[in-house]
PDB file of N, CA and C in Angstrom:
ATOM      1  N   ILE A   1      -0.599   9.325  -7.626  1.00  0.00           N
ATOM      2  CA  ILE A   1      -1.740   9.580  -6.770  1.00  0.00           C
ATOM      3  C   ILE A   1      -1.918  11.106  -6.628  1.00  0.00           C
ATOM      4  N   GLU A   2      -3.076  11.566  -6.948  1.00  0.00           N
ATOM      5  CA  GLU A   2      -3.386  12.995  -6.765  1.00  0.00           C
ATOM      6  C   GLU A   2      -3.752  13.254  -5.322  1.00  0.00           C
ATOM      7  N   VAL A   3      -3.077  14.205  -4.739  1.00  0.00           N
ATOM      8  CA  VAL A   3      -3.319  14.588  -3.334  1.00  0.00           C
ATOM      9  C   VAL A   3      -3.765  16.022  -3.301  1.00  0.00           C
ATOM     10  N   THR A   4      -4.996  16.211  -2.790  1.00  0.00           N
ATOM     11  CA  THR A   4      -5.542  17.558  -2.740  1.00  0.00           C
ATOM     12  C   THR A   4      -5.025  18.308  -1.460  1.00  0.00           C
ATOM     13  N   SER A   5      -5.182  19.641  -1.478  1.00  0.00           N
ATOM     14  CA  SER A   5      -4.706  20.421  -0.369  1.00  0.00           C
ATOM     15  C   SER A   5      -5.545  20.054   0.858  1.00  0.00           C
ATOM     16  N   GLY A   6      -4.832  19.821   1.995  1.00  0.00           N
ATOM     17  CA  GLY A   6      -5.508  19.517   3.232  1.00  0.00           C
ATOM     18  C   GLY A   6      -6.206  18.112   3.259  1.00  0.00           C
ATOM     19  N   GLN A   7      -5.777  17.281   2.301  1.00  0.00           N
ATOM     20  CA  GLN A   7      -6.476  15.924   2.171  1.00  0.00           C
ATOM     21  C   GLN A   7      -6.314  15.131   3.450  1.00  0.00           C
ATOM     22  N   ASN A   8      -7.455  14.460   3.805  1.00  0.00           N
ATOM     23  CA  ASN A   8      -7.496  13.620   4.996  1.00  0.00           C
ATOM     24  C   ASN A   8      -8.610  12.613   4.731  1.00  0.00           C
ATOM     25  N   ARG A   9      -8.457  11.813   3.735  1.00  0.00           N
ATOM     26  CA  ARG A   9      -9.545  10.853   3.433  1.00  0.00           C
ATOM     27  C   ARG A   9      -8.999   9.477   3.197  1.00  0.00           C
ATOM     28  N   ILE A  10      -9.889   8.495   3.336  1.00  0.00           N
ATOM     29  CA  ILE A  10      -9.557   7.099   3.022  1.00  0.00           C
ATOM     30  C   ILE A  10     -10.097   6.731   1.693  1.00  0.00           C
ATOM     31  N   VAL A  11      -9.252   6.107   0.837  1.00  0.00           N
ATOM     32  CA  VAL A  11      -9.669   5.719  -0.502  1.00  0.00           C
ATOM     33  C   VAL A  11      -9.177   4.337  -0.844  1.00  0.00           C
ATOM     34  N   TYR A  12      -9.756   3.773  -1.862  1.00  0.00           N
ATOM     35  CA  TYR A  12      -9.271   2.491  -2.427  1.00  0.00           C
ATOM     36  C   TYR A  12      -8.608   2.797  -3.754  1.00  0.00           C
ATOM     37  N   LYS A  13      -7.537   2.087  -4.033  1.00  0.00           N
ATOM     38  CA  LYS A  13      -6.800   2.280  -5.319  1.00  0.00           C
ATOM     39  C   LYS A  13      -6.397   0.882  -5.815  1.00  0.00           C
ATOM     40  N   ALA A  14      -6.726   0.631  -7.088  1.00  0.00           N
ATOM     41  CA  ALA A  14      -6.223  -0.594  -7.686  1.00  0.00           C
ATOM     42  C   ALA A  14      -4.703  -0.568  -7.816  1.00  0.00           C
ATOM     43  N   VAL A  15      -4.092  -1.641  -7.527  1.00  0.00           N
ATOM     44  CA  VAL A  15      -2.603  -1.784  -7.622  1.00  0.00           C
ATOM     45  C   VAL A  15      -2.368  -2.392  -9.025  1.00  0.00           C
ATOM     46  N   THR A  16      -1.739  -1.632  -9.911  1.00  0.00           N
ATOM     47  CA  THR A  16      -1.514  -2.122 -11.276  1.00  0.00           C
ATOM     48  C   THR A  16      -0.524  -3.250 -11.314  1.00  0.00           C
ATOM     49  N   ALA A  17      -0.529  -4.038 -12.405  1.00  0.00           N
ATOM     50  CA  ALA A  17       0.420  -5.115 -12.622  1.00  0.00           C
ATOM     51  C   ALA A  17       1.861  -4.610 -12.517  1.00  0.00           C
ATOM     52  N   ALA A  18       2.122  -3.426 -12.914  1.00  0.00           N
ATOM     53  CA  ALA A  18       3.471  -2.886 -12.877  1.00  0.00           C
ATOM     54  C   ALA A  18       3.964  -2.577 -11.453  1.00  0.00           C
ATOM     55  N   ASP A  19       2.956  -2.465 -10.529  1.00  0.00           N
ATOM     56  CA  ASP A  19       3.305  -2.132  -9.140  1.00  0.00           C
ATOM     57  C   ASP A  19       3.240  -3.294  -8.175  1.00  0.00           C
ATOM     58  N   ARG A  20       3.147  -4.519  -8.709  1.00  0.00           N
ATOM     59  CA  ARG A  20       3.188  -5.703  -7.842  1.00  0.00           C
ATOM     60  C   ARG A  20       4.100  -6.770  -8.513  1.00  0.00           C
ATOM     61  N   PRO A  21       4.559  -7.749  -7.781  1.00  0.00           N
ATOM     62  CA  PRO A  21       5.464  -8.739  -8.392  1.00  0.00           C
ATOM     63  C   PRO A  21       4.795  -9.459  -9.604  1.00  0.00           C
ATOM     64  N   PRO A  22       5.501  -9.546 -10.710  1.00  0.00           N
ATOM     65  CA  PRO A  22       4.862 -10.097 -11.931  1.00  0.00           C
ATOM     66  C   PRO A  22       4.933 -11.690 -11.994  1.00  0.00           C
ATOM     67  N   VAL A  23       5.597 -12.285 -11.031  1.00  0.00           N
ATOM     68  CA  VAL A  23       5.752 -13.747 -11.095  1.00  0.00           C
ATOM     69  C   VAL A  23       5.269 -14.375  -9.734  1.00  0.00           C
ATOM     70  N   ASP A  24       5.022 -15.687  -9.784  1.00  0.00           N
ATOM     71  CA  ASP A  24       4.640 -16.388  -8.552  1.00  0.00           C
ATOM     72  C   ASP A  24       5.871 -16.433  -7.593  1.00  0.00           C
ATOM     73  N   GLY A  25       5.650 -16.345  -6.326  1.00  0.00           N
ATOM     74  CA  GLY A  25       6.753 -16.361  -5.373  1.00  0.00           C
ATOM     75  C   GLY A  25       6.292 -15.912  -4.022  1.00  0.00           C
ATOM     76  N   TYR A  26       7.242 -15.816  -3.101  1.00  0.00           N
ATOM     77  CA  TYR A  26       6.953 -15.420  -1.722  1.00  0.00           C
ATOM     78  C   TYR A  26       7.422 -13.999  -1.477  1.00  0.00           C
ATOM     79  N   ILE A  27       6.570 -13.190  -0.873  1.00  0.00           N
ATOM     80  CA  ILE A  27       6.921 -11.811  -0.475  1.00  0.00           C
ATOM     81  C   ILE A  27       7.495 -11.989   0.960  1.00  0.00           C
ATOM     82  N   THR A  28       8.756 -11.605   1.130  1.00  0.00           N
ATOM     83  CA  THR A  28       9.407 -11.791   2.450  1.00  0.00           C
ATOM     84  C   THR A  28       9.658 -10.485   3.150  1.00  0.00           C
ATOM     85  N   ALA A  29       9.469  -9.344   2.478  1.00  0.00           N
ATOM     86  CA  ALA A  29       9.633  -8.046   3.092  1.00  0.00           C
ATOM     87  C   ALA A  29       8.749  -7.055   2.356  1.00  0.00           C
ATOM     88  N   PHE A  30       8.313  -6.020   3.040  1.00  0.00           N
ATOM     89  CA  PHE A  30       7.461  -5.019   2.489  1.00  0.00           C
ATOM     90  C   PHE A  30       7.880  -3.675   3.081  1.00  0.00           C
ATOM     91  N   ARG A  31       8.309  -2.730   2.247  1.00  0.00           N
ATOM     92  CA  ARG A  31       8.787  -1.470   2.768  1.00  0.00           C
ATOM     93  C   ARG A  31       8.046  -0.311   2.040  1.00  0.00           C
ATOM     94  N   PRO A  32       6.814  -0.038   2.443  1.00  0.00           N
ATOM     95  CA  PRO A  32       6.017   1.009   1.769  1.00  0.00           C
ATOM     96  C   PRO A  32       6.543   2.424   2.058  1.00  0.00           C
ATOM     97  N   ASN A  33       6.360   3.306   1.084  1.00  0.00           N
ATOM     98  CA  ASN A  33       6.800   4.703   1.281  1.00  0.00           C
ATOM     99  C   ASN A  33       6.096   5.536   0.180  1.00  0.00           C
ATOM    100  N   LEU A  34       5.980   6.806   0.435  1.00  0.00           N
ATOM    101  CA  LEU A  34       5.520   7.736  -0.573  1.00  0.00           C
ATOM    102  C   LEU A  34       6.714   8.346  -1.290  1.00  0.00           C
ATOM    103  N   THR A  35       6.573   8.578  -2.576  1.00  0.00           N
ATOM    104  CA  THR A  35       7.644   9.280  -3.325  1.00  0.00           C
ATOM    105  C   THR A  35       6.972  10.340  -4.215  1.00  0.00           C
ATOM    106  N   ASN A  36       7.685  11.486  -4.290  1.00  0.00           N
ATOM    107  CA  ASN A  36       7.237  12.545  -5.252  1.00  0.00           C
ATOM    108  C   ASN A  36       7.534  12.017  -6.614  1.00  0.00           C
ATOM    109  N   LEU A  37       7.011  12.720  -7.629  1.00  0.00           N
ATOM    110  CA  LEU A  37       7.235  12.300  -9.052  1.00  0.00           C
ATOM    111  C   LEU A  37       8.678  12.397  -9.394  1.00  0.00           C
ATOM    112  N   ASP A  38       9.487  13.251  -8.730  1.00  0.00           N
ATOM    113  CA  ASP A  38      10.898  13.355  -9.042  1.00  0.00           C
ATOM    114  C   ASP A  38      11.718  12.278  -8.287  1.00  0.00           C
ATOM    115  N   GLY A  39      11.057  11.384  -7.493  1.00  0.00           N
ATOM    116  CA  GLY A  39      11.755  10.337  -6.797  1.00  0.00           C
ATOM    117  C   GLY A  39      12.129  10.659  -5.385  1.00  0.00           C
ATOM    118  N   SER A  40      11.977  11.924  -4.994  1.00  0.00           N
ATOM    119  CA  SER A  40      12.310  12.296  -3.598  1.00  0.00           C
ATOM    120  C   SER A  40      11.157  11.877  -2.674  1.00  0.00           C
ATOM    121  N   ILE A  41      11.473  11.787  -1.404  1.00  0.00           N
ATOM    122  CA  ILE A  41      10.478  11.347  -0.363  1.00  0.00           C
ATOM    123  C   ILE A  41       9.975  12.565   0.339  1.00  0.00           C
ATOM    124  N   PRO A  42       8.664  12.853   0.375  1.00  0.00           N
ATOM    125  CA  PRO A  42       8.169  14.012   1.087  1.00  0.00           C
ATOM    126  C   PRO A  42       8.322  13.884   2.601  1.00  0.00           C
ATOM    127  N   LYS A  43       8.536  14.998   3.259  1.00  0.00           N
ATOM    128  CA  LYS A  43       8.626  15.002   4.701  1.00  0.00           C
ATOM    129  C   LYS A  43       7.227  14.622   5.286  1.00  0.00           C
ATOM    130  N   SER A  44       7.271  13.730   6.293  1.00  0.00           N
ATOM    131  CA  SER A  44       6.002  13.231   6.874  1.00  0.00           C
ATOM    132  C   SER A  44       5.304  14.399   7.621  1.00  0.00           C
ATOM    133  N   SER A  45       6.005  15.498   7.928  1.00  0.00           N
ATOM    134  CA  SER A  45       5.356  16.630   8.528  1.00  0.00           C
ATOM    135  C   SER A  45       4.574  17.450   7.485  1.00  0.00           C
ATOM    136  N   GLN A  46       4.720  17.102   6.197  1.00  0.00           N
ATOM    137  CA  GLN A  46       3.985  17.780   5.113  1.00  0.00           C
ATOM    138  C   GLN A  46       2.923  16.879   4.453  1.00  0.00           C
ATOM    139  N   ILE A  47       3.395  15.715   4.036  1.00  0.00           N
ATOM    140  CA  ILE A  47       2.471  14.730   3.450  1.00  0.00           C
ATOM    141  C   ILE A  47       2.816  13.409   4.072  1.00  0.00           C
ATOM    142  N   MET A  48       1.779  12.759   4.662  1.00  0.00           N
ATOM    143  CA  MET A  48       2.005  11.533   5.461  1.00  0.00           C
ATOM    144  C   MET A  48       1.104  10.398   4.974  1.00  0.00           C
ATOM    145  N   PHE A  49       1.730   9.247   4.783  1.00  0.00           N
ATOM    146  CA  PHE A  49       0.983   7.995   4.510  1.00  0.00           C
ATOM    147  C   PHE A  49       0.511   7.463   5.845  1.00  0.00           C
ATOM    148  N   HIS A  50      -0.671   7.846   6.254  1.00  0.00           N
ATOM    149  CA  HIS A  50      -1.164   7.492   7.587  1.00  0.00           C
ATOM    150  C   HIS A  50      -1.275   6.005   7.778  1.00  0.00           C
ATOM    151  N   HIS A  51      -1.964   5.337   6.873  1.00  0.00           N
ATOM    152  CA  HIS A  51      -2.058   3.912   6.937  1.00  0.00           C
ATOM    153  C   HIS A  51      -2.390   3.300   5.556  1.00  0.00           C
ATOM    154  N   GLY A  52      -2.121   2.038   5.407  1.00  0.00           N
ATOM    155  CA  GLY A  52      -2.456   1.320   4.204  1.00  0.00           C
ATOM    156  C   GLY A  52      -2.719  -0.111   4.503  1.00  0.00           C
ATOM    157  N   VAL A  53      -3.662  -0.726   3.748  1.00  0.00           N
ATOM    158  CA  VAL A  53      -3.976  -2.133   3.873  1.00  0.00           C
ATOM    159  C   VAL A  53      -3.997  -2.663   2.403  1.00  0.00           C
ATOM    160  N   TRP A  54      -3.140  -3.640   2.161  1.00  0.00           N
ATOM    161  CA  TRP A  54      -3.120  -4.279   0.816  1.00  0.00           C
ATOM    162  C   TRP A  54      -4.028  -5.492   0.856  1.00  0.00           C
ATOM    163  N   ILE A  55      -4.897  -5.625  -0.135  1.00  0.00           N
ATOM    164  CA  ILE A  55      -5.915  -6.661  -0.195  1.00  0.00           C
ATOM    165  C   ILE A  55      -5.725  -7.449  -1.467  1.00  0.00           C
ATOM    166  N   ASN A  56      -5.716  -8.786  -1.301  1.00  0.00           N
ATOM    167  CA  ASN A  56      -5.593  -9.608  -2.536  1.00  0.00           C
ATOM    168  C   ASN A  56      -7.004 -10.053  -2.907  1.00  0.00           C
ATOM    169  N   LEU A  57      -7.540  -9.481  -3.962  1.00  0.00           N
ATOM    170  CA  LEU A  57      -8.896  -9.766  -4.410  1.00  0.00           C
ATOM    171  C   LEU A  57      -9.071 -11.153  -5.033  1.00  0.00           C
ATOM    172  N   SER A  58      -7.938 -11.832  -5.247  1.00  0.00           N
ATOM    173  CA  SER A  58      -7.958 -13.168  -5.854  1.00  0.00           C
ATOM    174  C   SER A  58      -8.116 -14.240  -4.782  1.00  0.00           C
ATOM    175  N   ARG A  59      -8.154 -13.857  -3.498  1.00  0.00           N
ATOM    176  CA  ARG A  59      -8.243 -14.855  -2.431  1.00  0.00           C
ATOM    177  C   ARG A  59      -9.488 -14.643  -1.576  1.00  0.00           C
ATOM    178  N   TRP A  60      -9.906 -15.682  -0.938  1.00  0.00           N
ATOM    179  CA  TRP A  60     -11.076 -15.666  -0.036  1.00  0.00           C
ATOM    180  C   TRP A  60     -10.614 -15.279   1.324  1.00  0.00           C
ATOM    181  N   ASP A  61     -11.276 -14.366   1.998  1.00  0.00           N
ATOM    182  CA  ASP A  61     -10.991 -13.990   3.382  1.00  0.00           C
ATOM    183  C   ASP A  61     -11.998 -14.751   4.301  1.00  0.00           C
ATOM    184  N   SER A  62     -11.511 -15.806   4.897  1.00  0.00           N
ATOM    185  CA  SER A  62     -12.383 -16.696   5.668  1.00  0.00           C
ATOM    186  C   SER A  62     -12.882 -15.979   6.943  1.00  0.00           C
ATOM    187  N   THR A  63     -12.128 -15.022   7.467  1.00  0.00           N
ATOM    188  CA  THR A  63     -12.576 -14.283   8.640  1.00  0.00           C
ATOM    189  C   THR A  63     -13.771 -13.415   8.395  1.00  0.00           C
ATOM    190  N   ALA A  64     -13.747 -12.750   7.222  1.00  0.00           N
ATOM    191  CA  ALA A  64     -14.774 -11.843   6.815  1.00  0.00           C
ATOM    192  C   ALA A  64     -15.877 -12.564   6.022  1.00  0.00           C
ATOM    193  N   GLY A  65     -15.593 -13.750   5.517  1.00  0.00           N
ATOM    194  CA  GLY A  65     -16.581 -14.481   4.723  1.00  0.00           C
ATOM    195  C   GLY A  65     -16.834 -13.908   3.359  1.00  0.00           C
ATOM    196  N   ARG A  66     -15.750 -13.346   2.738  1.00  0.00           N
ATOM    197  CA  ARG A  66     -15.883 -12.722   1.390  1.00  0.00           C
ATOM    198  C   ARG A  66     -14.559 -12.710   0.708  1.00  0.00           C
ATOM    199  N   MET A  67     -14.579 -12.413  -0.549  1.00  0.00           N
ATOM    200  CA  MET A  67     -13.369 -12.300  -1.345  1.00  0.00           C
ATOM    201  C   MET A  67     -12.634 -11.033  -0.856  1.00  0.00           C
ATOM    202  N   GLY A  68     -11.299 -11.101  -0.945  1.00  0.00           N
ATOM    203  CA  GLY A  68     -10.490  -9.991  -0.568  1.00  0.00           C
ATOM    204  C   GLY A  68      -9.701 -10.283   0.675  1.00  0.00           C
ATOM    205  N   GLU A  69      -8.611 -10.987   0.570  1.00  0.00           N
ATOM    206  CA  GLU A  69      -7.790 -11.291   1.721  1.00  0.00           C
ATOM    207  C   GLU A  69      -6.829 -10.113   2.038  1.00  0.00           C
ATOM    208  N   ARG A  70      -6.943  -9.609   3.271  1.00  0.00           N
ATOM    209  CA  ARG A  70      -6.025  -8.550   3.696  1.00  0.00           C
ATOM    210  C   ARG A  70      -4.690  -9.240   4.083  1.00  0.00           C
ATOM    211  N   PHE A  71      -3.600  -8.831   3.383  1.00  0.00           N
ATOM    212  CA  PHE A  71      -2.366  -9.569   3.626  1.00  0.00           C
ATOM    213  C   PHE A  71      -1.219  -8.727   4.127  1.00  0.00           C
ATOM    214  N   ILE A  72      -1.271  -7.442   4.020  1.00  0.00           N
ATOM    215  CA  ILE A  72      -0.238  -6.552   4.609  1.00  0.00           C
ATOM    216  C   ILE A  72      -0.938  -5.255   5.070  1.00  0.00           C
ATOM    217  N   GLY A  73      -0.610  -4.826   6.243  1.00  0.00           N
ATOM    218  CA  GLY A  73      -1.115  -3.574   6.780  1.00  0.00           C
ATOM    219  C   GLY A  73      -0.018  -2.760   7.352  1.00  0.00           C
ATOM    220  N   THR A  74      -0.058  -1.489   7.251  1.00  0.00           N
ATOM    221  CA  THR A  74       1.018  -0.652   7.770  1.00  0.00           C
ATOM    222  C   THR A  74       0.475   0.630   8.299  1.00  0.00           C
ATOM    223  N   GLY A  75       1.084   1.169   9.339  1.00  0.00           N
ATOM    224  CA  GLY A  75       0.736   2.467   9.859  1.00  0.00           C
ATOM    225  C   GLY A  75       1.927   3.381   9.670  1.00  0.00           C
ATOM    226  N   GLU A  76       1.694   4.423   8.950  1.00  0.00           N
ATOM    227  CA  GLU A  76       2.752   5.347   8.516  1.00  0.00           C
ATOM    228  C   GLU A  76       3.761   4.703   7.633  1.00  0.00           C
ATOM    229  N   GLU A  77       4.428   5.507   6.822  1.00  0.00           N
ATOM    230  CA  GLU A  77       5.339   5.008   5.852  1.00  0.00           C
ATOM    231  C   GLU A  77       6.593   4.400   6.455  1.00  0.00           C
ATOM    232  N   LYS A  78       6.799   4.603   7.737  1.00  0.00           N
ATOM    233  CA  LYS A  78       8.035   4.088   8.340  1.00  0.00           C
ATOM    234  C   LYS A  78       7.825   2.673   8.892  1.00  0.00           C
ATOM    235  N   THR A  79       6.609   2.106   8.842  1.00  0.00           N
ATOM    236  CA  THR A  79       6.392   0.749   9.251  1.00  0.00           C
ATOM    237  C   THR A  79       6.779  -0.203   8.142  1.00  0.00           C
ATOM    238  N   GLN A  80       7.770  -1.049   8.471  1.00  0.00           N
ATOM    239  CA  GLN A  80       8.186  -2.065   7.482  1.00  0.00           C
ATOM    240  C   GLN A  80       7.811  -3.447   7.977  1.00  0.00           C
ATOM    241  N   VAL A  81       7.578  -4.354   7.053  1.00  0.00           N
ATOM    242  CA  VAL A  81       7.234  -5.736   7.402  1.00  0.00           C
ATOM    243  C   VAL A  81       8.347  -6.588   6.910  1.00  0.00           C
ATOM    244  N   GLU A  82       8.908  -7.385   7.796  1.00  0.00           N
ATOM    245  CA  GLU A  82       9.910  -8.387   7.376  1.00  0.00           C
ATOM    246  C   GLU A  82       9.567  -9.703   8.076  1.00  0.00           C
ATOM    247  N   PHE A  83       9.363 -10.749   7.253  1.00  0.00           N
ATOM    248  CA  PHE A  83       9.047 -12.075   7.805  1.00  0.00           C
ATOM    249  C   PHE A  83      10.339 -12.763   8.225  1.00  0.00           C
ATOM    250  N   PRO A  84      10.233 -13.604   9.295  1.00  0.00           N
ATOM    251  CA  PRO A  84      11.384 -14.333   9.697  1.00  0.00           C
ATOM    252  C   PRO A  84      11.849 -15.285   8.583  1.00  0.00           C
ATOM    253  N   PRO A  85      13.147 -15.699   8.615  1.00  0.00           N
ATOM    254  CA  PRO A  85      13.611 -16.644   7.582  1.00  0.00           C
ATOM    255  C   PRO A  85      12.703 -17.860   7.478  1.00  0.00           C
ATOM    256  N   GLY A  86      12.397 -18.218   6.264  1.00  0.00           N
ATOM    257  CA  GLY A  86      11.562 -19.408   6.011  1.00  0.00           C
ATOM    258  C   GLY A  86      10.063 -19.091   5.932  1.00  0.00           C
ATOM    259  N   PHE A  87       9.698 -17.821   6.135  1.00  0.00           N
ATOM    260  CA  PHE A  87       8.273 -17.419   6.073  1.00  0.00           C
ATOM    261  C   PHE A  87       8.087 -16.334   5.015  1.00  0.00           C
ATOM    262  N   GLY A  88       6.844 -16.198   4.539  1.00  0.00           N
ATOM    263  CA  GLY A  88       6.526 -15.159   3.560  1.00  0.00           C
ATOM    264  C   GLY A  88       5.096 -15.304   3.112  1.00  0.00           C
ATOM    265  N   TYR A  89       4.614 -14.366   2.325  1.00  0.00           N
ATOM    266  CA  TYR A  89       3.257 -14.439   1.816  1.00  0.00           C
ATOM    267  C   TYR A  89       3.289 -14.906   0.369  1.00  0.00           C
ATOM    268  N   PHE A  90       2.676 -16.022   0.051  1.00  0.00           N
ATOM    269  CA  PHE A  90       2.707 -16.514  -1.330  1.00  0.00           C
ATOM    270  C   PHE A  90       1.764 -15.675  -2.196  1.00  0.00           C
ATOM    271  N   HIS A  91       2.349 -15.246  -3.308  1.00  0.00           N
ATOM    272  CA  HIS A  91       1.681 -14.401  -4.270  1.00  0.00           C
ATOM    273  C   HIS A  91       1.798 -15.009  -5.655  1.00  0.00           C
ATOM    274  N   LYS A  92       0.675 -15.015  -6.391  1.00  0.00           N
ATOM    275  CA  LYS A  92       0.700 -15.446  -7.757  1.00  0.00           C
ATOM    276  C   LYS A  92       0.821 -14.198  -8.642  1.00  0.00           C
ATOM    277  N   GLY A  93       1.580 -14.315  -9.722  1.00  0.00           N
ATOM    278  CA  GLY A  93       1.741 -13.179 -10.598  1.00  0.00           C
ATOM    279  C   GLY A  93       0.419 -12.673 -11.236  1.00  0.00           C
ATOM    280  N   THR A  94      -0.625 -13.491 -11.200  1.00  0.00           N
ATOM    281  CA  THR A  94      -1.901 -13.105 -11.761  1.00  0.00           C
ATOM    282  C   THR A  94      -2.874 -12.569 -10.682  1.00  0.00           C
ATOM    283  N   ASP A  95      -2.430 -12.521  -9.412  1.00  0.00           N
ATOM    284  CA  ASP A  95      -3.288 -12.031  -8.355  1.00  0.00           C
ATOM    285  C   ASP A  95      -3.678 -10.540  -8.640  1.00  0.00           C
ATOM    286  N   ILE A  96      -4.853 -10.161  -8.165  1.00  0.00           N
ATOM    287  CA  ILE A  96      -5.314  -8.797  -8.278  1.00  0.00           C
ATOM    288  C   ILE A  96      -5.335  -8.147  -6.893  1.00  0.00           C
ATOM    289  N   TRP A  97      -4.589  -6.996  -6.802  1.00  0.00           N
ATOM    290  CA  TRP A  97      -4.498  -6.311  -5.506  1.00  0.00           C
ATOM    291  C   TRP A  97      -5.251  -4.998  -5.516  1.00  0.00           C
ATOM    292  N   LEU A  98      -5.672  -4.634  -4.316  1.00  0.00           N
ATOM    293  CA  LEU A  98      -6.322  -3.363  -4.092  1.00  0.00           C
ATOM    294  C   LEU A  98      -5.631  -2.779  -2.823  1.00  0.00           C
ATOM    295  N   LEU A  99      -5.446  -1.476  -2.856  1.00  0.00           N
ATOM    296  CA  LEU A  99      -4.860  -0.767  -1.678  1.00  0.00           C
ATOM    297  C   LEU A  99      -5.937   0.147  -1.064  1.00  0.00           C
ATOM    298  N   ASN A 100      -6.136   0.033   0.246  1.00  0.00           N
ATOM    299  CA  ASN A 100      -6.941   0.909   0.977  1.00  0.00           C
ATOM    300  C   ASN A 100      -5.988   1.795   1.748  1.00  0.00           C
ATOM    301  N   HIS A 101      -6.018   3.101   1.464  1.00  0.00           N
ATOM    302  CA  HIS A 101      -5.035   3.982   2.125  1.00  0.00           C
ATOM    303  C   HIS A 101      -5.590   5.321   2.591  1.00  0.00           C
ATOM    304  N   MET A 102      -4.885   5.947   3.539  1.00  0.00           N
ATOM    305  CA  MET A 102      -5.197   7.278   3.957  1.00  0.00           C
ATOM    306  C   MET A 102      -3.894   8.109   3.879  1.00  0.00           C
ATOM    307  N   ILE A 103      -3.972   9.140   3.073  1.00  0.00           N
ATOM    308  CA  ILE A 103      -2.855  10.062   2.944  1.00  0.00           C
ATOM    309  C   ILE A 103      -3.273  11.449   3.484  1.00  0.00           C
ATOM    310  N   HIS A 104      -2.501  11.965   4.428  1.00  0.00           N
ATOM    311  CA  HIS A 104      -2.738  13.296   4.971  1.00  0.00           C
ATOM    312  C   HIS A 104      -1.861  14.301   4.221  1.00  0.00           C
ATOM    313  N   ASN A 105      -2.458  15.368   3.766  1.00  0.00           N
ATOM    314  CA  ASN A 105      -1.665  16.457   3.184  1.00  0.00           C
ATOM    315  C   ASN A 105      -1.818  17.605   4.190  1.00  0.00           C
ATOM    316  N   LEU A 106      -0.766  17.867   4.897  1.00  0.00           N
ATOM    317  CA  LEU A 106      -0.790  18.920   5.936  1.00  0.00           C
ATOM    318  C   LEU A 106      -0.412  20.261   5.393  1.00  0.00           C
ATOM    319  N   THR A 107      -0.402  20.407   4.041  1.00  0.00           N
ATOM    320  CA  THR A 107      -0.063  21.684   3.419  1.00  0.00           C
ATOM    321  C   THR A 107      -1.265  22.190   2.631  1.00  0.00           C
ATOM    322  N   PRO A 108      -1.309  23.483   2.247  1.00  0.00           N
ATOM    323  CA  PRO A 108      -2.344  23.985   1.394  1.00  0.00           C
ATOM    324  C   PRO A 108      -2.165  23.667  -0.098  1.00  0.00           C
ATOM    325  N   ALA A 109      -1.077  23.093  -0.447  1.00  0.00           N
ATOM    326  CA  ALA A 109      -0.720  22.836  -1.882  1.00  0.00           C
ATOM    327  C   ALA A 109      -1.192  21.451  -2.312  1.00  0.00           C
ATOM    328  N   GLU A 110      -1.706  21.374  -3.546  1.00  0.00           N
ATOM    329  CA  GLU A 110      -2.029  20.097  -4.201  1.00  0.00           C
ATOM    330  C   GLU A 110      -0.746  19.531  -4.742  1.00  0.00           C
ATOM    331  N   THR A 111      -0.685  18.219  -4.798  1.00  0.00           N
ATOM    332  CA  THR A 111       0.526  17.574  -5.324  1.00  0.00           C
ATOM    333  C   THR A 111       0.150  16.216  -5.970  1.00  0.00           C
ATOM    334  N   GLU A 112       1.102  15.631  -6.616  1.00  0.00           N
ATOM    335  CA  GLU A 112       0.971  14.275  -7.150  1.00  0.00           C
ATOM    336  C   GLU A 112       2.151  13.456  -6.660  1.00  0.00           C
ATOM    337  N   LEU A 113       1.834  12.204  -6.339  1.00  0.00           N
ATOM    338  CA  LEU A 113       2.860  11.232  -5.807  1.00  0.00           C
ATOM    339  C   LEU A 113       2.965  10.100  -6.794  1.00  0.00           C
TER     340      LEU A 113
END
C-alpha cells in the first residue's frame, strides 16, 4: 500500500486471493496490523491503521439491501477479533473481498506498506 506524506484519507482496496484464505472454512480470529516491506511494524505514533472494514462482495447485505456483506470491522491495528469456541465467519475460497480503510501517516515521509 502506498502511503503519502501526511495521508489521512479513506480508500477501498481489493483483497487479493493471496491475502485471504484460499479454501472454504470458518474464520475464527482476525488480527489486522500494518507491516513495513521489511516485515517490521511501524509505530502507531508515526503511521496508524485508523480503521478497516472487510466486505465480502460475494454475499448479499440484507441490512443495506445490496451486495457486499460487511463481516469484520476494526478500529486501530490493535483491535483483534476472536470468536467464542464453536463460532466463526464462514468463508468460501472463491469469495471476493474488498477492504475499506483509513491509514494516517503522521510523518512528512512517503512510505510503502
